[in-house]
C-alpha atoms as a PDB file:
ATOM      1  CA  MET A   1     104.278  98.821  95.300  1.00  0.00           C
ATOM      2  CA  LEU A   2     103.178 100.835  98.291  1.00  0.00           C
ATOM      3  CA  ASN A   3      99.655 102.184  98.389  1.00  0.00           C
ATOM      4  CA  ILE A   4      99.808 105.923  98.974  1.00  0.00           C
ATOM      5  CA  TYR A   5      96.241 107.227  98.412  1.00  0.00           C
ATOM      6  CA  VAL A   6      92.866 106.263  99.834  1.00  0.00           C
ATOM      7  CA  SER A   7      89.589 107.539  98.426  1.00  0.00           C
ATOM      8  CA  TYR A   8      86.507 107.939 100.578  1.00  0.00           C
ATOM      9  CA  LYS A   9      82.893 108.814  99.725  1.00  0.00           C
ATOM     10  CA  CYS A  10      80.517 110.582 102.069  1.00  0.00           C
ATOM     11  CA  LYS A  11      77.182 108.788 102.607  1.00  0.00           C
ATOM     12  CA  LYS A  12      75.388 112.006 103.469  1.00  0.00           C
ATOM     13  CA  CYS A  13      76.369 114.425 100.662  1.00  0.00           C
ATOM     14  CA  GLY A  14      77.787 111.916  98.176  1.00  0.00           C
ATOM     15  CA  LYS A  15      81.029 113.757  97.519  1.00  0.00           C
ATOM     16  CA  GLU A  16      84.348 111.944  97.227  1.00  0.00           C
ATOM     17  CA  PHE A  17      87.664 112.942  98.743  1.00  0.00           C
ATOM     18  CA  VAL A  18      91.225 111.537  98.719  1.00  0.00           C
ATOM     19  CA  LEU A  19      93.597 111.226 101.679  1.00  0.00           C
ATOM     20  CA  LEU A  20      97.133 109.958 102.118  1.00  0.00           C
ATOM     21  CA  VAL A  21      97.501 106.572 103.821  1.00  0.00           C
ATOM     22  CA  GLU A  22     100.024 108.094 106.304  1.00  0.00           C
ATOM     23  CA  GLU A  23      97.432 110.636 107.443  1.00  0.00           C
ATOM     24  CA  VAL A  24      94.760 107.955 107.933  1.00  0.00           C
ATOM     25  CA  GLN A  25      97.175 105.740 109.913  1.00  0.00           C
ATOM     26  CA  SER A  26      98.275 108.641 112.162  1.00  0.00           C
ATOM     27  CA  SER A  27      94.692 109.567 112.869  1.00  0.00           C
ATOM     28  CA  ASP A  28      93.902 105.969 113.759  1.00  0.00           C
ATOM     29  CA  LYS A  29      96.824 105.941 116.231  1.00  0.00           C
ATOM     30  CA  LYS A  30      95.629 109.157 117.872  1.00  0.00           C
ATOM     31  CA  ASN A  31      91.998 107.846 117.934  1.00  0.00           C
ATOM     32  CA  ILE A  32      90.779 110.678 115.737  1.00  0.00           C
ATOM     33  CA  TYR A  33      87.789 109.825 113.493  1.00  0.00           C
ATOM     34  CA  LEU A  34      87.493 110.845 109.849  1.00  0.00           C
ATOM     35  CA  VAL A  35      84.868 113.316 108.762  1.00  0.00           C
ATOM     36  CA  CYS A  36      83.737 114.596 105.407  1.00  0.00           C
ATOM     37  CA  PRO A  37      85.496 117.902 104.588  1.00  0.00           C
ATOM     38  CA  TYR A  38      82.378 119.212 102.824  1.00  0.00           C
ATOM     39  CA  CYS A  39      79.532 118.499 105.354  1.00  0.00           C
ATOM     40  CA  SER A  40      81.440 117.271 108.471  1.00  0.00           C
ATOM     41  CA  SER A  41      79.558 113.972 108.557  1.00  0.00           C
ATOM     42  CA  LYS A  42      81.213 110.943 110.219  1.00  0.00           C
ATOM     43  CA  LYS A  43      79.517 108.600 107.728  1.00  0.00           C
ATOM     44  CA  VAL A  44      82.245 107.972 105.224  1.00  0.00           C
ATOM     45  CA  ALA A  45      82.866 104.799 103.200  1.00  0.00           C
ATOM     46  CA  LYS A  46      86.293 103.709 101.910  1.00  0.00           C
ATOM     47  CA  GLN A  47      86.206 103.373  98.119  1.00  0.00           C
ATOM     48  CA  ASN A  48      89.647 102.159  97.022  1.00  0.00           C
ATOM     49  CA  ILE A  49      93.327 102.206  97.871  1.00  0.00           C
ATOM     50  CA  THR A  50      95.943 102.897  95.203  1.00  0.00           C
ATOM     51  CA  ASP A  51      99.397 104.211  94.564  1.00  0.00           C
ATOM     52  CA  ASN A  52      98.282 106.407  91.670  1.00  0.00           C
ATOM     53  CA  LEU A  53      96.240 109.577  92.351  1.00  0.00           C
ATOM     54  CA  ARG A  54      94.737 109.471  88.843  1.00  0.00           C
ATOM     55  CA  ALA A  55      93.255 106.049  89.567  1.00  0.00           C
ATOM     56  CA  CYS A  56      91.411 107.515  92.606  1.00  0.00           C
ATOM     57  CA  MET A  57      90.139 110.446  90.602  1.00  0.00           C
ATOM     58  CA  ARG A  58      89.128 108.540  87.452  1.00  0.00           C
ATOM     59  CA  GLU A  59      85.437 108.035  88.444  1.00  0.00           C
ATOM     60  CA  ARG A  60      84.679 111.758  88.917  1.00  0.00           C
ATOM     61  CA  SER A  61      85.670 114.886  87.095  1.00  0.00           C
ATOM     62  CA  TYR A  62      87.786 117.482  88.875  1.00  0.00           C
ATOM     63  CA  ARG A  63      89.115 120.950  88.022  1.00  0.00           C
ATOM     64  CA  ARG A  64      91.519 123.369  89.643  1.00  0.00           C
ATOM     65  CA  LYS A  65      90.100 126.486  91.279  1.00  0.00           C
ATOM     66  CA  ARG A  66      92.321 129.015  93.082  1.00  0.00           C
ATOM     67  CA  GLY A  67      95.081 126.458  93.568  1.00  0.00           C
ATOM     68  CA  SER A  68      92.937 123.689  94.969  1.00  0.00           C
ATOM     69  CA  ILE A  69      91.278 120.747  93.221  1.00  0.00           C
ATOM     70  CA  ILE A  70      87.488 120.659  93.400  1.00  0.00           C
ATOM     71  CA  GLU A  71      84.949 118.054  92.253  1.00  0.00           C
ATOM     72  CA  VAL A  72      82.614 118.942  89.432  1.00  0.00           C
ATOM     73  CA  LYS A  73      79.521 116.852  88.801  1.00  0.00           C
END
C-alpha cells in the first residue's frame, strides 16, 4: 500500500503534527524547508510514515475545536 501520511515531532516545543507525503515531496522539490506550525522552529524529527491517519495519531490524544483538530496533552 502507498504511504500517505507522515508524522513529525518538534524538538523545541514537543508537539506533533501530521503532513501528507505529497506535500512533503513537493516542498523538497521546491527546496522549501519544513517548520513547526506551532512555534516556527526548523528542528523537526520524522516520527513515522503510514497509510492510516489513526496510526499517526494513536500516541497522542486529539479533539476537534472549531473545525480543526488540536492536540490535547
